[in-house]
């Protein structure tokens, strides 16, 4: 259960940070395939991380079900735009002109969020 909660939070953070949630899900698929192949060959799990962070079909399926939600967050943040489109949109968005230096710092920090 803790792994599922960590996965959910991780995927939300990745989506908010403009990392493609589909690519992150591909990593899960690769980990699952690697684990299956090692077990199939009789090696067990040779990667220490997979001993403490077991990869199973339920974890993959759970994130697959949340993919649309994470993709929505990804798009809401403008992550699906190209770098040129994002720069253009930021550049052409009107920003308030600060009246005092302290306000300038506060406004620039809030704008970067």
Protein backbone atom coordinates (compact mmCIF):
# COMPACT_ATOMS: atom_id res chain seq x y z
CA UNK A 1 0.00 0.00 0.00
CA UNK A 2 2.85 2.41 0.76
CA UNK A 3 4.32 1.78 -2.69
CA UNK A 4 0.98 2.66 -4.29
CA UNK A 5 0.74 5.91 -2.32
CA UNK A 6 4.29 6.80 -3.26
CA UNK A 7 3.56 6.00 -6.91
CA UNK A 8 0.48 8.23 -6.91
CA UNK A 9 2.34 11.13 -5.36
CA UNK A 10 5.33 10.63 -7.64
CA UNK A 11 3.21 10.61 -10.77
CA UNK A 12 1.39 13.77 -9.64
CA UNK A 13 4.69 15.53 -9.00
CA UNK A 14 6.08 14.40 -12.35
CA UNK A 15 2.95 15.59 -14.19
CA UNK A 16 3.09 18.98 -12.45
CA UNK A 17 6.77 19.30 -13.36
CA UNK A 18 6.00 18.70 -17.06
CA UNK A 19 7.40 15.19 -17.23
CA UNK A 20 5.24 13.16 -19.58
CA UNK A 21 3.20 10.71 -17.44
CA UNK A 22 3.12 8.23 -20.32
CA UNK A 23 6.92 8.07 -20.38
CA UNK A 24 6.99 7.47 -16.63
CA UNK A 25 4.49 4.66 -17.09
CA UNK A 26 6.78 3.13 -19.73
CA UNK A 27 9.49 2.94 -17.07
CA UNK A 28 7.09 0.91 -14.92
CA UNK A 29 6.47 -1.40 -17.86
CA UNK A 30 10.21 -1.81 -18.43
CA UNK A 31 10.78 -2.60 -14.75
CA UNK A 32 7.99 -5.19 -14.84
CA UNK A 33 9.40 -6.80 -18.00
CA UNK A 34 12.89 -6.91 -16.48
CA UNK A 35 11.60 -8.48 -13.26
CA UNK A 36 9.60 -11.08 -15.21
CA UNK A 37 12.57 -11.94 -17.41
CA UNK A 38 14.88 -12.41 -14.41
CA UNK A 39 12.36 -14.67 -12.67
CA UNK A 40 11.79 -16.60 -15.90
CA UNK A 41 15.51 -17.32 -16.18
CA UNK A 42 15.65 -18.38 -12.55
CA UNK A 43 17.80 -15.49 -11.34
CA UNK A 44 15.27 -13.96 -9.02
CA UNK A 45 15.59 -10.23 -8.62
CA UNK A 46 19.21 -9.16 -8.98
CA UNK A 47 18.69 -5.40 -8.74
CA UNK A 48 18.67 -4.33 -5.06
CA UNK A 49 16.15 -1.53 -5.69
CA UNK A 50 13.61 -4.05 -6.97
CA UNK A 51 14.01 -6.08 -3.76
CA UNK A 52 12.89 -3.12 -1.64
CA UNK A 53 10.55 -1.61 -4.26
CA UNK A 54 8.82 -4.65 -5.73
CA UNK A 55 7.31 -4.19 -9.15
CA UNK A 56 4.03 -5.96 -9.66
CA UNK A 57 1.18 -5.86 -12.12
CA UNK A 58 -1.07 -4.04 -9.61
CA UNK A 59 1.24 -1.03 -9.38
CA UNK A 60 1.40 -0.74 -13.16
CA UNK A 61 -2.36 -1.16 -13.56
CA UNK A 62 -3.11 1.39 -10.83
CA UNK A 63 -1.03 4.05 -12.59
CA UNK A 64 -2.49 3.11 -15.97
CA UNK A 65 -5.96 3.84 -14.53
CA UNK A 66 -4.78 7.28 -13.35
CA UNK A 67 -3.04 8.11 -16.62
CA UNK A 68 -5.90 10.26 -17.94
CA UNK A 69 -5.97 12.27 -14.72
CA UNK A 70 -2.19 12.79 -14.77
CA UNK A 71 -2.29 13.62 -18.47
CA UNK A 72 -4.92 16.28 -17.65
CA UNK A 73 -2.62 17.88 -15.06
CA UNK A 74 0.21 17.74 -17.59
CA UNK A 75 -1.88 19.57 -20.20
CA UNK A 76 -3.38 22.08 -17.73
CA UNK A 77 0.14 23.22 -16.90
CA UNK A 78 0.82 23.87 -20.58
CA UNK A 79 3.30 21.01 -20.74
CA UNK A 80 1.96 19.72 -24.04
CA UNK A 81 3.04 22.94 -25.78
CA UNK A 82 6.36 23.08 -27.54
CA UNK A 83 9.15 25.05 -25.90
CA UNK A 84 8.70 27.83 -28.46
CA UNK A 85 4.95 28.03 -27.76
CA UNK A 86 5.56 28.16 -24.00
CA UNK A 87 8.15 30.92 -24.37
CA UNK A 88 5.83 32.89 -26.66
CA UNK A 89 2.91 32.56 -24.23
CA UNK A 90 5.01 33.60 -21.23
CA UNK A 91 6.56 36.50 -23.13
CA UNK A 92 3.19 37.81 -24.33
CA UNK A 93 1.35 37.47 -21.02
CA UNK A 94 0.95 40.87 -19.38
CA UNK A 95 2.57 41.07 -15.97
CA UNK A 96 1.88 43.70 -13.30
CA UNK A 97 4.44 46.47 -13.01
CA UNK A 98 5.79 46.65 -9.44
CA UNK A 99 5.67 49.95 -7.58
CA UNK A 100 8.31 49.15 -4.96
CA UNK A 101 11.38 46.82 -4.91
CA UNK A 102 9.87 44.52 -2.26
CA UNK A 103 6.77 44.12 -4.40
CA UNK A 104 8.94 43.35 -7.42
CA UNK A 105 10.53 40.42 -5.62
CA UNK A 106 7.17 39.11 -4.43
CA UNK A 107 5.60 39.41 -7.89
CA UNK A 108 8.51 37.74 -9.67
CA UNK A 109 8.44 34.83 -7.24
CA UNK A 110 4.69 34.35 -7.63
CA UNK A 111 5.02 34.56 -11.42
CA UNK A 112 7.61 31.76 -11.48
CA UNK A 113 5.30 29.30 -9.71
